[in-house]
Amino acid sequence: MELNRPPAVRRLSTASPVTARPPRTEAPTLVNGNGNGNGNGNGAGTVNGAGQTSSFVGARRPDRASVPTIDRMAVEQVSIAYGSKLAVKEVSLPIRQGEVLALIGPSGCGKTTLLRSLNRLTELTKTASLTGQITLDGTDITTLEPTALRRRVTMVFQQPNPFPMSVFDNVAYVLRDQAKRRPRRESLRPEVETALARAGLLDEVADNLDHPALRLSGGQQQRLCIARALAAQPEVLLLDEPCSALDPRSTAVIEDLVVKLREQVAVVIVTHNLQQAYRIADHVGFMYLGELVEYASATALFGSPRQQRTKDYVSGAFG
C-alpha cells in the first residue's frame, strides 16, 4: 500500500538584496504673519492662520523695478454681463507701468473677461455689455477708436499664434499695418530687431530672420508673439495665460522677460499658476464668481491674505 506523501515544500531564498527607498525630503516651509513666524517673501511655502499650507517651492521674488511706477489704466466699478449673466461685478483696480499685475482665481471667475475688456475685445461678443469706466492715460477707452486702442493695449493669447510667414514678416506685419505707405524691408529691419530684442528672441533668430515662424519651438513662438505685440509700441501688455502650453524651461524664459518688460510697459497677466503669480507679480487681484475678492501686493496676498476666501484659494482648499 502506497503512503500519501505531503507535497514538496518550496523554499524561498531570503538572501536576495533589498533596495532601500531614498528618504523623502520635504520642502522647507515659511510661516507667515498669520502663523507663528516671520515671512521674508523668498521662502518655499506659506502657512496661513488656519494652519493650511500653500507651497511655493523654490519661489523667488523679483527685485522692485528700477523706474518709478506710472498710472496707465484705471478700472472703476466695472461690471460685465453676457446677456442676463453677470460675469464681472463692480471691479476697481489700477494698472501701472513699472509693475506686473496678476489676476488669479478659479476657472469661470471673470478674470479673462476683465482682461479682454481692457482693449475692448469683450464687446466683440454681441451679448456682452459693460458698465463702469476704464481709462487709458485718463481717457475713457470707449471714446478711442478700437484699432488704435489695441495698438496701445496689446494682447498675447494662451496658445502661440504666429502668422504662417517668416519671423521677420511676423513682426513687420504690425509695422506695415501702421504705416501710411508700405515701407521697404530694410527700413523696417531696425524696428523688427528692436522688438525681437525686447522679447528676448533676437539672439536666437538673428542669423535667419527668414526662418518660418511655425518651425520655431513653442517658447520661441510665444516670444515672437510678444515681439509682434511690442512692435506696436504699446503702453499696456495683456497676457492671457501665456505659459500654459509651454515646458518649464520656456516658462522660466517668459517669466524673466515679463519681469524685465514691466519697466517699459504696464503688464497684466491672467494665470492659474499661483507659483507663477508669486514669482513675477508686484500686485495680485484674486477674483471669485466675478468679484474682486482681494487686491494687494503679491507678498501680502500670498503671505497674509485678509479675506478667508483668499486664504482658502492660495492654500489649495479649492481651485
C-alpha atoms as a PDB file:
ATOM      1  CA  MET A   1       0.000   0.000   0.000  1.00  0.00           C
ATOM      2  CA  GLU A   2       1.474   3.340  -1.108  1.00  0.00           C
ATOM      3  CA  LEU A   3       1.514   6.129   1.502  1.00  0.00           C
ATOM      4  CA  ASN A   4       0.223   9.650   0.677  1.00  0.00           C
ATOM      5  CA  ARG A   5       3.176  11.923   0.827  1.00  0.00           C
ATOM      6  CA  PRO A   6       2.819  15.701   1.556  1.00  0.00           C
ATOM      7  CA  PRO A   7       3.654  17.982  -1.382  1.00  0.00           C
ATOM      8  CA  ALA A   8       7.194  19.223  -1.639  1.00  0.00           C
ATOM      9  CA  VAL A   9       7.823  22.435   0.201  1.00  0.00           C
ATOM     10  CA  ARG A  10       9.043  25.278  -1.963  1.00  0.00           C
ATOM     11  CA  ARG A  11      11.699  27.189  -0.117  1.00  0.00           C
ATOM     12  CA  LEU A  12      12.170  30.886  -0.870  1.00  0.00           C
ATOM     13  CA  SER A  13      15.611  32.373  -0.575  1.00  0.00           C
ATOM     14  CA  THR A  14      15.950  35.293   1.786  1.00  0.00           C
ATOM     15  CA  ALA A  15      19.391  36.163   0.549  1.00  0.00           C
ATOM     16  CA  SER A  16      18.240  38.451  -2.263  1.00  0.00           C
ATOM     17  CA  PRO A  17      19.235  42.080  -1.640  1.00  0.00           C
ATOM     18  CA  VAL A  18      16.554  44.644  -0.759  1.00  0.00           C
ATOM     19  CA  THR A  19      16.903  48.112  -2.250  1.00  0.00           C
ATOM     20  CA  ALA A  20      16.109  50.738   0.328  1.00  0.00           C
ATOM     21  CA  ARG A  21      13.903  53.658  -0.743  1.00  0.00           C
ATOM     22  CA  PRO A  22      15.585  57.028  -0.612  1.00  0.00           C
ATOM     23  CA  PRO A  23      14.456  59.175   2.280  1.00  0.00           C
ATOM     24  CA  ARG A  24      11.547  61.509   1.446  1.00  0.00           C
ATOM     25  CA  THR A  25      12.526  65.113   1.553  1.00  0.00           C
ATOM     26  CA  GLU A  26      10.067  67.800   2.490  1.00  0.00           C
ATOM     27  CA  ALA A  27      10.174  71.287   1.052  1.00  0.00           C
ATOM     28  CA  PRO A  28      11.016  73.879   3.660  1.00  0.00           C
ATOM     29  CA  THR A  29       8.046  75.864   4.904  1.00  0.00           C
ATOM     30  CA  LEU A  30       7.853  79.565   5.578  1.00  0.00           C
ATOM     31  CA  VAL A  31       5.472  80.615   8.305  1.00  0.00           C
ATOM     32  CA  ASN A  32       3.862  83.934   7.503  1.00  0.00           C
ATOM     33  CA  GLY A  33       2.488  86.751   9.588  1.00  0.00           C
ATOM     34  CA  ASN A  34      -0.721  84.835  10.276  1.00  0.00           C
ATOM     35  CA  GLY A  35       1.226  81.944  11.791  1.00  0.00           C
ATOM     36  CA  ASN A  36       3.979  81.860  14.359  1.00  0.00           C
ATOM     37  CA  GLY A  37       6.948  83.044  12.395  1.00  0.00           C
ATOM     38  CA  ASN A  38       8.206  85.762  10.077  1.00  0.00           C
ATOM     39  CA  GLY A  39       7.966  85.557   6.301  1.00  0.00           C
ATOM     40  CA  ASN A  40      10.685  87.005   4.094  1.00  0.00           C
ATOM     41  CA  GLY A  41       8.881  86.607   0.757  1.00  0.00           C
ATOM     42  CA  ASN A  42      11.502  84.214  -0.629  1.00  0.00           C
ATOM     43  CA  GLY A  43      10.527  81.005   1.116  1.00  0.00           C
ATOM     44  CA  ALA A  44       9.290  77.766  -0.301  1.00  0.00           C
ATOM     45  CA  GLY A  45       5.841  77.815   1.208  1.00  0.00           C
ATOM     46  CA  THR A  46       3.435  79.632   3.477  1.00  0.00           C
ATOM     47  CA  VAL A  47       1.303  78.565   6.382  1.00  0.00           C
ATOM     48  CA  ASN A  48      -1.766  80.685   6.975  1.00  0.00           C
ATOM     49  CA  GLY A  49      -3.613  81.325  10.189  1.00  0.00           C
ATOM     50  CA  ALA A  50      -5.932  78.379   9.615  1.00  0.00           C
ATOM     51  CA  GLY A  51      -2.948  76.048   9.590  1.00  0.00           C
ATOM     52  CA  GLN A  52      -3.241  75.410   5.847  1.00  0.00           C
ATOM     53  CA  THR A  53      -0.136  75.229   3.728  1.00  0.00           C
ATOM     54  CA  SER A  54       0.317  76.669   0.248  1.00  0.00           C
ATOM     55  CA  SER A  55       3.545  75.583  -1.385  1.00  0.00           C
ATOM     56  CA  PHE A  56       5.685  77.963  -3.403  1.00  0.00           C
ATOM     57  CA  VAL A  57       8.592  75.589  -3.869  1.00  0.00           C
ATOM     58  CA  GLY A  58      11.806  77.344  -4.788  1.00  0.00           C
ATOM     59  CA  ALA A  59       9.886  80.523  -5.485  1.00  0.00           C
ATOM     60  CA  ARG A  60      11.937  83.640  -5.942  1.00  0.00           C
ATOM     61  CA  ARG A  61      10.670  87.165  -5.988  1.00  0.00           C
ATOM     62  CA  PRO A  62      11.924  89.802  -8.437  1.00  0.00           C
ATOM     63  CA  ASP A  63      13.532  92.970  -7.191  1.00  0.00           C
ATOM     64  CA  ARG A  64      11.424  96.068  -7.421  1.00  0.00           C
ATOM     65  CA  ALA A  65      11.531  97.867 -10.754  1.00  0.00           C
ATOM     66  CA  SER A  66      14.285 100.429 -11.052  1.00  0.00           C
ATOM     67  CA  VAL A  67      11.863 103.002 -12.510  1.00  0.00           C
ATOM     68  CA  PRO A  68       9.037 104.854 -10.750  1.00  0.00           C
ATOM     69  CA  THR A  69       5.546 103.493 -11.344  1.00  0.00           C
ATOM     70  CA  ILE A  70       3.242 105.342 -13.751  1.00  0.00           C
ATOM     71  CA  ASP A  71      -0.543 105.022 -13.694  1.00  0.00           C
ATOM     72  CA  ARG A  72      -1.587 103.799 -17.131  1.00  0.00           C
ATOM     73  CA  MET A  73      -5.093 102.408 -16.778  1.00  0.00           C
ATOM     74  CA  ALA A  74      -7.810 102.590 -14.171  1.00  0.00           C
ATOM     75  CA  VAL A  75     -10.710 100.176 -13.836  1.00  0.00           C
ATOM     76  CA  GLU A  76     -13.546 101.838 -11.945  1.00  0.00           C
ATOM     77  CA  GLN A  77     -16.656  99.946 -10.809  1.00  0.00           C
ATOM     78  CA  VAL A  78     -16.681  97.811 -13.934  1.00  0.00           C
ATOM     79  CA  SER A  79     -19.396  95.186 -14.361  1.00  0.00           C
ATOM     80  CA  ILE A  80     -19.642  92.972 -17.443  1.00  0.00           C
ATOM     81  CA  ALA A  81     -22.590  90.800 -18.412  1.00  0.00           C
ATOM     82  CA  TYR A  82     -23.278  88.328 -21.176  1.00  0.00           C
ATOM     83  CA  GLY A  83     -26.990  88.704 -21.696  1.00  0.00           C
ATOM     84  CA  SER A  84     -28.520  88.358 -18.238  1.00  0.00           C
ATOM     85  CA  LYS A  85     -25.489  86.570 -16.762  1.00  0.00           C
ATOM     86  CA  LEU A  86     -23.160  88.834 -14.775  1.00  0.00           C
ATOM     87  CA  ALA A  87     -19.535  87.775 -15.331  1.00  0.00           C
ATOM     88  CA  VAL A  88     -17.693  90.662 -13.602  1.00  0.00           C
ATOM     89  CA  LYS A  89     -19.161  92.585 -10.655  1.00  0.00           C
ATOM     90  CA  GLU A  90     -18.118  96.160  -9.854  1.00  0.00           C
ATOM     91  CA  VAL A  91     -14.349  95.668 -10.092  1.00  0.00           C
ATOM     92  CA  SER A  92     -11.978  98.560  -9.431  1.00  0.00           C
ATOM     93  CA  LEU A  93      -8.176  98.405  -9.630  1.00  0.00           C
ATOM     94  CA  PRO A  94      -5.183 100.337 -11.012  1.00  0.00           C
ATOM     95  CA  ILE A  95      -2.796  99.217 -13.769  1.00  0.00           C
ATOM     96  CA  ARG A  96       0.675 100.733 -13.569  1.00  0.00           C
ATOM     97  CA  GLN A  97       3.797 100.763 -15.689  1.00  0.00           C
ATOM     98  CA  GLY A  98       6.673  99.524 -13.555  1.00  0.00           C
ATOM     99  CA  GLU A  99       4.541  96.714 -12.139  1.00  0.00           C
ATOM    100  CA  VAL A 100       3.200  93.307 -13.134  1.00  0.00           C
ATOM    101  CA  LEU A 101      -0.436  92.825 -12.144  1.00  0.00           C
ATOM    102  CA  ALA A 102      -1.539  89.187 -11.950  1.00  0.00           C
ATOM    103  CA  LEU A 103      -5.200  88.185 -11.979  1.00  0.00           C
ATOM    104  CA  ILE A 104      -5.804  84.828 -10.309  1.00  0.00           C
ATOM    105  CA  GLY A 105      -8.841  82.762  -9.470  1.00  0.00           C
ATOM    106  CA  PRO A 106     -10.612  79.541 -10.453  1.00  0.00           C
ATOM    107  CA  SER A 107     -11.926  78.953 -13.966  1.00  0.00           C
ATOM    108  CA  GLY A 108     -15.005  80.986 -14.803  1.00  0.00           C
ATOM    109  CA  CYS A 109     -14.350  83.664 -12.189  1.00  0.00           C
ATOM    110  CA  GLY A 110     -14.250  86.525 -14.730  1.00  0.00           C
ATOM    111  CA  LYS A 111     -10.534  87.256 -14.897  1.00  0.00           C
ATOM    112  CA  THR A 112     -10.183  86.665 -18.654  1.00  0.00           C
ATOM    113  CA  THR A 113     -13.376  88.621 -19.315  1.00  0.00           C
ATOM    114  CA  LEU A 114     -11.925  91.534 -17.343  1.00  0.00           C
ATOM    115  CA  LEU A 115      -8.607  91.258 -19.203  1.00  0.00           C
ATOM    116  CA  ARG A 116     -10.324  91.315 -22.610  1.00  0.00           C
ATOM    117  CA  SER A 117     -12.343  94.364 -21.623  1.00  0.00           C
ATOM    118  CA  LEU A 118      -9.139  96.391 -21.238  1.00  0.00           C
ATOM    119  CA  ASN A 119      -8.762  96.669 -25.014  1.00  0.00           C
ATOM    120  CA  ARG A 120     -12.449  96.257 -25.849  1.00  0.00           C
ATOM    121  CA  LEU A 121     -12.239  92.683 -27.106  1.00  0.00           C
ATOM    122  CA  THR A 122     -15.172  91.764 -24.873  1.00  0.00           C
ATOM    123  CA  GLU A 123     -17.526  93.925 -26.912  1.00  0.00           C
ATOM    124  CA  LEU A 124     -16.922  91.699 -29.948  1.00  0.00           C
ATOM    125  CA  THR A 125     -19.365  89.289 -28.287  1.00  0.00           C
ATOM    126  CA  LYS A 126     -22.820  90.536 -29.285  1.00  0.00           C
ATOM    127  CA  THR A 127     -24.472  89.735 -25.969  1.00  0.00           C
ATOM    128  CA  ALA A 128     -21.795  91.486 -23.876  1.00  0.00           C
ATOM    129  CA  SER A 129     -22.480  94.729 -22.029  1.00  0.00           C
ATOM    130  CA  LEU A 130     -20.263  96.794 -19.753  1.00  0.00           C
ATOM    131  CA  THR A 131     -20.983  99.399 -17.106  1.00  0.00           C
ATOM    132  CA  GLY A 132     -18.478 101.461 -15.172  1.00  0.00           C
ATOM    133  CA  GLN A 133     -15.402 103.063 -16.702  1.00  0.00           C
ATOM    134  CA  ILE A 134     -11.979 102.019 -17.958  1.00  0.00           C
ATOM    135  CA  THR A 135      -9.473 104.765 -18.715  1.00  0.00           C
ATOM    136  CA  LEU A 136      -6.115 104.797 -20.504  1.00  0.00           C
ATOM    137  CA  ASP A 137      -3.897 107.703 -19.524  1.00  0.00           C
ATOM    138  CA  GLY A 138      -7.009 109.405 -18.188  1.00  0.00           C
ATOM    139  CA  THR A 139      -9.106 108.923 -21.332  1.00  0.00           C
ATOM    140  CA  ASP A 140     -12.216 106.754 -21.366  1.00  0.00           C
ATOM    141  CA  ILE A 141     -11.370 103.879 -23.724  1.00  0.00           C
ATOM    142  CA  THR A 142     -14.876 103.897 -25.208  1.00  0.00           C
ATOM    143  CA  THR A 143     -14.004 107.247 -26.828  1.00  0.00           C
ATOM    144  CA  LEU A 144     -10.993 105.723 -28.599  1.00  0.00           C
ATOM    145  CA  GLU A 145     -11.158 104.007 -31.981  1.00  0.00           C
ATOM    146  CA  PRO A 146     -10.871 100.248 -31.218  1.00  0.00           C
ATOM    147  CA  THR A 147      -7.966  99.531 -33.593  1.00  0.00           C
ATOM    148  CA  ALA A 148      -5.990 102.476 -32.231  1.00  0.00           C
ATOM    149  CA  LEU A 149      -6.727 101.326 -28.687  1.00  0.00           C
ATOM    150  CA  ARG A 150      -5.498  97.796 -29.445  1.00  0.00           C
ATOM    151  CA  ARG A 151      -2.199  99.189 -30.680  1.00  0.00           C
ATOM    152  CA  ARG A 152      -1.743 100.893 -27.312  1.00  0.00           C
ATOM    153  CA  VAL A 153      -3.116  97.988 -25.259  1.00  0.00           C
ATOM    154  CA  THR A 154      -1.926  94.802 -26.968  1.00  0.00           C
ATOM    155  CA  MET A 155      -2.698  91.193 -26.066  1.00  0.00           C
ATOM    156  CA  VAL A 156      -0.849  87.879 -26.239  1.00  0.00           C
ATOM    157  CA  PHE A 157      -3.067  84.811 -26.033  1.00  0.00           C
ATOM    158  CA  GLN A 158      -2.844  81.432 -24.346  1.00  0.00           C
ATOM    159  CA  GLN A 159      -1.754  79.487 -27.427  1.00  0.00           C
ATOM    160  CA  PRO A 160       1.111  80.892 -29.520  1.00  0.00           C
ATOM    161  CA  ASN A 161      -0.413  82.155 -32.756  1.00  0.00           C
ATOM    162  CA  PRO A 162       2.352  83.285 -35.133  1.00  0.00           C
ATOM    163  CA  PHE A 163       1.324  84.065 -38.681  1.00  0.00           C
ATOM    164  CA  PRO A 164       2.319  81.487 -41.344  1.00  0.00           C
ATOM    165  CA  MET A 165       5.161  83.629 -42.591  1.00  0.00           C
ATOM    166  CA  SER A 166       8.775  84.347 -41.667  1.00  0.00           C
ATOM    167  CA  VAL A 167       9.991  85.582 -38.293  1.00  0.00           C
ATOM    168  CA  PHE A 168      10.777  88.958 -39.875  1.00  0.00           C
ATOM    169  CA  ASP A 169       7.387  89.321 -41.534  1.00  0.00           C
ATOM    170  CA  ASN A 170       5.511  88.404 -38.345  1.00  0.00           C
ATOM    171  CA  VAL A 171       6.911  91.487 -36.636  1.00  0.00           C
ATOM    172  CA  ALA A 172       7.000  93.650 -39.753  1.00  0.00           C
ATOM    173  CA  TYR A 173       3.295  92.971 -40.308  1.00  0.00           C
ATOM    174  CA  VAL A 174       2.413  95.291 -37.426  1.00  0.00           C
ATOM    175  CA  LEU A 175       4.783  97.991 -38.620  1.00  0.00           C
ATOM    176  CA  ARG A 176       3.457  97.839 -42.177  1.00  0.00           C
ATOM    177  CA  ASP A 177      -0.106  97.971 -40.907  1.00  0.00           C
ATOM    178  CA  GLN A 178       0.650 101.207 -39.059  1.00  0.00           C
ATOM    179  CA  ALA A 179       2.470 102.849 -41.949  1.00  0.00           C
ATOM    180  CA  LYS A 180       0.667 105.116 -44.436  1.00  0.00           C
ATOM    181  CA  ARG A 181       2.826 103.783 -47.263  1.00  0.00           C
ATOM    182  CA  ARG A 182       4.256 100.295 -47.480  1.00  0.00           C
ATOM    183  CA  PRO A 183       7.826 100.641 -46.192  1.00  0.00           C
ATOM    184  CA  ARG A 184      10.760  98.768 -47.648  1.00  0.00           C
ATOM    185  CA  ARG A 185      12.130  95.749 -45.839  1.00  0.00           C
ATOM    186  CA  GLU A 186      15.470  97.319 -44.977  1.00  0.00           C
ATOM    187  CA  SER A 187      13.836 100.385 -43.461  1.00  0.00           C
ATOM    188  CA  LEU A 188      11.880  98.085 -41.136  1.00  0.00           C
ATOM    189  CA  ARG A 189      14.824  95.968 -40.062  1.00  0.00           C
ATOM    190  CA  PRO A 190      15.950  98.144 -37.109  1.00  0.00           C
ATOM    191  CA  GLU A 191      12.450  98.217 -35.604  1.00  0.00           C
ATOM    192  CA  VAL A 192      11.954  94.487 -36.174  1.00  0.00           C
ATOM    193  CA  GLU A 193      15.252  93.691 -34.477  1.00  0.00           C
ATOM    194  CA  THR A 194      14.428  96.030 -31.592  1.00  0.00           C
ATOM    195  CA  ALA A 195      11.105  94.277 -30.993  1.00  0.00           C
ATOM    196  CA  LEU A 196      12.763  90.857 -31.153  1.00  0.00           C
ATOM    197  CA  ALA A 197      15.445  92.013 -28.731  1.00  0.00           C
ATOM    198  CA  ARG A 198      12.839  93.337 -26.285  1.00  0.00           C
ATOM    199  CA  ALA A 199      11.168  89.918 -26.425  1.00  0.00           C
ATOM    200  CA  GLY A 200      14.477  88.164 -25.748  1.00  0.00           C
ATOM    201  CA  LEU A 201      14.435  86.371 -29.103  1.00  0.00           C
ATOM    202  CA  LEU A 202      16.851  88.260 -31.362  1.00  0.00           C
ATOM    203  CA  ASP A 203      19.997  86.324 -30.408  1.00  0.00           C
ATOM    204  CA  GLU A 204      18.286  83.053 -31.324  1.00  0.00           C
ATOM    205  CA  VAL A 205      16.966  84.118 -34.740  1.00  0.00           C
ATOM    206  CA  ALA A 206      19.299  86.920 -35.880  1.00  0.00           C
ATOM    207  CA  ASP A 207      21.166  84.667 -38.337  1.00  0.00           C
ATOM    208  CA  ASN A 208      17.986  83.776 -40.222  1.00  0.00           C
ATOM    209  CA  LEU A 209      15.103  86.198 -39.917  1.00  0.00           C
ATOM    210  CA  ASP A 210      13.529  84.484 -42.923  1.00  0.00           C
ATOM    211  CA  HIS A 211      13.092  81.283 -40.897  1.00  0.00           C
ATOM    212  CA  PRO A 212       9.423  80.134 -40.958  1.00  0.00           C
ATOM    213  CA  ALA A 213       7.791  81.178 -37.707  1.00  0.00           C
ATOM    214  CA  LEU A 214       5.792  77.957 -37.461  1.00  0.00           C
ATOM    215  CA  ARG A 215       9.035  75.962 -37.265  1.00  0.00           C
ATOM    216  CA  LEU A 216      10.134  77.687 -34.066  1.00  0.00           C
ATOM    217  CA  SER A 217       9.748  75.936 -30.742  1.00  0.00           C
ATOM    218  CA  GLY A 218       6.633  76.667 -28.681  1.00  0.00           C
ATOM    219  CA  GLY A 219       8.514  79.001 -26.350  1.00  0.00           C
ATOM    220  CA  GLN A 220      10.095  80.832 -29.274  1.00  0.00           C
ATOM    221  CA  GLN A 221       6.728  81.179 -30.986  1.00  0.00           C
ATOM    222  CA  GLN A 222       5.239  82.751 -27.861  1.00  0.00           C
ATOM    223  CA  ARG A 223       8.131  85.199 -27.578  1.00  0.00           C
ATOM    224  CA  LEU A 224       7.662  86.020 -31.259  1.00  0.00           C
ATOM    225  CA  CYS A 225       4.034  86.844 -30.484  1.00  0.00           C
ATOM    226  CA  ILE A 226       5.229  89.076 -27.659  1.00  0.00           C
ATOM    227  CA  ALA A 227       7.681  90.750 -30.054  1.00  0.00           C
ATOM    228  CA  ARG A 228       4.844  91.305 -32.512  1.00  0.00           C
ATOM    229  CA  ALA A 229       2.784  92.891 -29.743  1.00  0.00           C
ATOM    230  CA  LEU A 230       5.699  95.088 -28.648  1.00  0.00           C
ATOM    231  CA  ALA A 231       6.337  96.275 -32.200  1.00  0.00           C
ATOM    232  CA  ALA A 232       3.258  98.472 -31.869  1.00  0.00           C
ATOM    233  CA  GLN A 233       4.985 100.347 -29.001  1.00  0.00           C
ATOM    234  CA  PRO A 234       2.098  99.741 -26.572  1.00  0.00           C
ATOM    235  CA  GLU A 235       1.651 101.286 -23.158  1.00  0.00           C
ATOM    236  CA  VAL A 236      -0.019  98.158 -21.749  1.00  0.00           C
ATOM    237  CA  LEU A 237       0.692  94.488 -22.486  1.00  0.00           C
ATOM    238  CA  LEU A 238      -2.048  91.934 -21.701  1.00  0.00           C
ATOM    239  CA  LEU A 239      -1.047  88.285 -21.283  1.00  0.00           C
ATOM    240  CA  ASP A 240      -3.741  85.601 -21.138  1.00  0.00           C
ATOM    241  CA  GLU A 241      -2.070  82.522 -19.632  1.00  0.00           C
ATOM    242  CA  PRO A 242       0.958  82.865 -21.945  1.00  0.00           C
ATOM    243  CA  CYS A 243       2.834  79.897 -20.451  1.00  0.00           C
ATOM    244  CA  SER A 244       0.072  77.318 -20.102  1.00  0.00           C
ATOM    245  CA  ALA A 245       1.170  75.434 -23.240  1.00  0.00           C
ATOM    246  CA  LEU A 246       4.915  75.709 -22.593  1.00  0.00           C
ATOM    247  CA  ASP A 247       7.503  73.493 -20.923  1.00  0.00           C
ATOM    248  CA  PRO A 248       9.120  74.636 -17.623  1.00  0.00           C
ATOM    249  CA  ARG A 249      12.267  75.942 -19.291  1.00  0.00           C
ATOM    250  CA  SER A 250      10.357  78.075 -21.795  1.00  0.00           C
ATOM    251  CA  THR A 251       8.083  79.233 -18.978  1.00  0.00           C
ATOM    252  CA  ALA A 252      11.097  80.454 -16.982  1.00  0.00           C
ATOM    253  CA  VAL A 253      12.336  82.418 -20.013  1.00  0.00           C
ATOM    254  CA  ILE A 254       8.927  84.067 -20.486  1.00  0.00           C
ATOM    255  CA  GLU A 255       8.680  84.902 -16.777  1.00  0.00           C
ATOM    256  CA  ASP A 256      12.101  86.581 -16.772  1.00  0.00           C
ATOM    257  CA  LEU A 257      11.061  88.516 -19.862  1.00  0.00           C
ATOM    258  CA  VAL A 258       7.805  89.699 -18.253  1.00  0.00           C
ATOM    259  CA  VAL A 259       9.666  90.997 -15.200  1.00  0.00           C
ATOM    260  CA  LYS A 260      12.024  92.979 -17.439  1.00  0.00           C
ATOM    261  CA  LEU A 261       9.227  94.348 -19.624  1.00  0.00           C
ATOM    262  CA  ARG A 262       7.342  95.909 -16.696  1.00  0.00           C
ATOM    263  CA  GLU A 263       9.819  98.802 -16.726  1.00  0.00           C
ATOM    264  CA  GLN A 264       8.779  99.661 -20.287  1.00  0.00           C
ATOM    265  CA  VAL A 265       5.075  98.803 -20.301  1.00  0.00           C
ATOM    266  CA  ALA A 266       2.339  98.065 -17.801  1.00  0.00           C
ATOM    267  CA  VAL A 267       1.842  94.277 -17.714  1.00  0.00           C
ATOM    268  CA  VAL A 268      -1.369  92.455 -16.787  1.00  0.00           C
ATOM    269  CA  ILE A 269      -1.249  88.659 -16.746  1.00  0.00           C
ATOM    270  CA  VAL A 270      -4.022  86.123 -16.169  1.00  0.00           C
ATOM    271  CA  THR A 271      -2.664  82.891 -14.718  1.00  0.00           C
ATOM    272  CA  HIS A 272      -3.928  79.771 -12.977  1.00  0.00           C
ATOM    273  CA  ASN A 273      -0.389  79.097 -11.766  1.00  0.00           C
ATOM    274  CA  LEU A 274      -0.168  80.539  -8.250  1.00  0.00           C
ATOM    275  CA  GLN A 275       3.584  79.980  -8.068  1.00  0.00           C
ATOM    276  CA  GLN A 276       3.963  81.946 -11.285  1.00  0.00           C
ATOM    277  CA  ALA A 277       1.922  84.814  -9.892  1.00  0.00           C
ATOM    278  CA  TYR A 278       4.070  84.798  -6.752  1.00  0.00           C
ATOM    279  CA  ARG A 279       7.298  84.708  -8.774  1.00  0.00           C
ATOM    280  CA  ILE A 280       6.610  87.579 -11.179  1.00  0.00           C
ATOM    281  CA  ALA A 281       3.763  89.798  -9.923  1.00  0.00           C
ATOM    282  CA  ASP A 282       4.120  93.012  -7.964  1.00  0.00           C
ATOM    283  CA  HIS A 283       0.381  93.147  -7.239  1.00  0.00           C
ATOM    284  CA  VAL A 284      -2.241  90.420  -7.429  1.00  0.00           C
ATOM    285  CA  GLY A 285      -6.009  90.537  -7.786  1.00  0.00           C
ATOM    286  CA  PHE A 286      -7.898  87.442  -6.631  1.00  0.00           C
ATOM    287  CA  MET A 287     -11.259  87.032  -8.367  1.00  0.00           C
ATOM    288  CA  TYR A 288     -14.072  84.672  -7.416  1.00  0.00           C
ATOM    289  CA  LEU A 289     -17.513  84.427  -9.015  1.00  0.00           C
ATOM    290  CA  GLY A 290     -16.968  87.711 -10.826  1.00  0.00           C
ATOM    291  CA  GLU A 291     -15.945  89.667  -7.745  1.00  0.00           C
ATOM    292  CA  LEU A 292     -12.540  91.099  -6.944  1.00  0.00           C
ATOM    293  CA  VAL A 293     -12.224  89.498  -3.512  1.00  0.00           C
ATOM    294  CA  GLU A 294      -8.813  90.943  -2.708  1.00  0.00           C
ATOM    295  CA  TYR A 295      -6.190  93.181  -4.307  1.00  0.00           C
ATOM    296  CA  ALA A 296      -2.793  93.537  -2.655  1.00  0.00           C
ATOM    297  CA  SER A 297       0.943  93.199  -3.171  1.00  0.00           C
ATOM    298  CA  ALA A 298       1.981  89.658  -4.071  1.00  0.00           C
ATOM    299  CA  THR A 299       3.810  89.140  -0.784  1.00  0.00           C
ATOM    300  CA  ALA A 300       0.828  90.387   1.225  1.00  0.00           C
ATOM    301  CA  LEU A 301      -1.813  88.439  -0.680  1.00  0.00           C
ATOM    302  CA  PHE A 302       0.082  85.152  -0.570  1.00  0.00           C
ATOM    303  CA  GLY A 303       1.696  85.703   2.816  1.00  0.00           C
ATOM    304  CA  SER A 304      -1.089  87.201   4.892  1.00  0.00           C
ATOM    305  CA  PRO A 305      -4.346  87.457   2.930  1.00  0.00           C
ATOM    306  CA  ARG A 306      -7.102  89.478   4.586  1.00  0.00           C
ATOM    307  CA  GLN A 307     -10.083  87.548   3.231  1.00  0.00           C
ATOM    308  CA  GLN A 308     -10.909  83.960   4.188  1.00  0.00           C
ATOM    309  CA  ARG A 309     -11.758  83.082   0.577  1.00  0.00           C
ATOM    310  CA  THR A 310      -8.292  84.244  -0.467  1.00  0.00           C
ATOM    311  CA  LYS A 311      -6.685  82.161   2.275  1.00  0.00           C
ATOM    312  CA  ASP A 312      -8.622  79.109   1.172  1.00  0.00           C
ATOM    313  CA  TYR A 313      -7.707  79.594  -2.503  1.00  0.00           C
ATOM    314  CA  VAL A 314      -3.973  80.195  -2.093  1.00  0.00           C
ATOM    315  CA  SER A 315      -3.744  77.301   0.381  1.00  0.00           C
ATOM    316  CA  GLY A 316      -5.289  74.923  -2.156  1.00  0.00           C
ATOM    317  CA  ALA A 317      -8.571  74.351  -0.324  1.00  0.00           C
ATOM    318  CA  PHE A 318     -10.340  74.894  -3.667  1.00  0.00           C
ATOM    319  CA  GLY A 319      -9.375  75.892  -7.149  1.00  0.00           C
END
